[in-house]
Amino acid sequence: MGDGRVTVGLLVRLIAWCTGSRAAAVLGAAVFALSPDVVYLQATAMTEPLLMVLTVGAVWALVRALQDPAPGRVRLAGWLMASGW
């Protein structure tokens, strides 16, 4: 269940940064978290929740790296994406 909380937290940060709206971020994360497919995947012992958190984390890191292309940020995005696959 911890993966879901991390994914939702990253989605809130990502959507808030992209839109500038905290309400849109909370609404977007709530739509994700309350999706029946996501609820099902969180309740079963599979690796999909880990894939979701690594993918959302990679997108978040990539967006941050595009904003400020420090080598560490680009490397973090690459490592998160590679870890998910």
Protein backbone atom coordinates (compact mmCIF):
# COMPACT_ATOMS: atom_id res chain seq x y z
CA MET A 1 0.00 0.00 0.00
CA GLY A 2 2.98 2.29 0.48
CA ASP A 3 3.66 2.39 -3.27
CA GLY A 4 0.21 3.87 -3.86
CA ARG A 5 0.76 6.67 -1.38
CA VAL A 6 4.11 7.52 -2.95
CA THR A 7 2.58 7.48 -6.44
CA VAL A 8 -0.26 9.77 -5.38
CA GLY A 9 2.19 12.14 -3.68
CA LEU A 10 4.35 12.30 -6.80
CA LEU A 11 1.28 12.89 -8.96
CA VAL A 12 0.20 15.78 -6.74
CA ARG A 13 3.62 17.38 -7.06
CA LEU A 14 3.81 16.75 -10.81
CA ILE A 15 0.34 18.08 -11.62
CA ALA A 16 0.74 21.07 -9.30
CA TRP A 17 4.04 21.97 -10.92
CA CYS A 18 2.67 21.58 -14.47
CA THR A 19 -0.63 23.39 -13.91
CA GLY A 20 0.16 25.73 -11.05
CA SER A 21 -3.12 24.69 -9.41
CA ARG A 22 -3.20 22.80 -6.13
CA ALA A 23 -6.90 21.95 -6.68
CA ALA A 24 -6.15 20.39 -10.07
CA ALA A 25 -3.32 18.40 -8.51
CA VAL A 26 -5.50 17.00 -5.74
CA LEU A 27 -8.33 16.22 -8.16
CA GLY A 28 -6.01 14.49 -10.62
CA ALA A 29 -4.39 12.41 -7.92
CA ALA A 30 -7.81 11.50 -6.49
CA VAL A 31 -9.02 10.32 -9.91
CA PHE A 32 -5.93 8.12 -10.14
CA ALA A 33 -6.14 6.80 -6.56
CA LEU A 34 -9.85 6.00 -6.73
CA SER A 35 -9.69 4.27 -10.10
CA PRO A 36 -11.02 0.70 -9.70
CA ASP A 37 -8.01 -0.72 -11.56
CA VAL A 38 -5.55 1.03 -9.26
CA VAL A 39 -7.48 -0.02 -6.15
CA TYR A 40 -7.42 -3.63 -7.36
CA LEU A 41 -3.70 -3.55 -8.15
CA GLN A 42 -2.93 -2.10 -4.72
CA ALA A 43 -4.90 -4.90 -3.04
CA THR A 44 -3.09 -7.76 -4.77
CA ALA A 45 0.46 -8.97 -4.41
CA MET A 46 1.85 -7.99 -7.82
CA THR A 47 4.65 -5.75 -9.03
CA GLU A 48 2.45 -3.26 -10.89
CA PRO A 49 2.31 -0.77 -7.98
CA LEU A 50 6.11 -0.62 -8.00
CA LEU A 51 6.07 -0.06 -11.76
CA MET A 52 3.55 2.76 -11.33
CA VAL A 53 5.60 4.57 -8.67
CA LEU A 54 8.83 4.20 -10.66
CA THR A 55 7.18 5.42 -13.88
CA VAL A 56 5.52 8.43 -12.24
CA GLY A 57 8.79 9.15 -10.42
CA ALA A 58 10.69 9.00 -13.70
CA VAL A 59 8.25 11.41 -15.36
CA TRP A 60 8.52 13.76 -12.37
CA ALA A 61 12.32 13.60 -12.47
CA LEU A 62 12.34 14.14 -16.25
CA VAL A 63 10.11 17.21 -15.98
CA ARG A 64 12.39 18.60 -13.26
CA ALA A 65 15.47 17.80 -15.37
CA LEU A 66 13.98 19.68 -18.33
CA GLN A 67 13.45 22.67 -16.04
CA ASP A 68 16.97 22.54 -14.62
CA PRO A 69 19.22 20.19 -16.63
CA ALA A 70 21.66 19.34 -13.88
CA PRO A 71 23.45 16.04 -14.57
CA GLY A 72 22.13 14.50 -11.36
CA ARG A 73 18.50 15.15 -12.30
CA VAL A 74 18.88 13.66 -15.77
CA ARG A 75 20.65 10.65 -14.27
CA LEU A 76 17.90 10.21 -11.67
CA ALA A 77 15.22 10.20 -14.39
CA GLY A 78 17.16 7.59 -16.34
CA TRP A 79 17.70 5.35 -13.32
CA LEU A 80 14.04 5.52 -12.29
CA MET A 81 12.88 4.64 -15.79
CA ALA A 82 15.38 1.81 -16.08
CA SER A 83 14.36 0.45 -12.69
CA GLY A 84 10.73 0.29 -13.76
CA TRP A 85 11.47 -1.80 -16.81
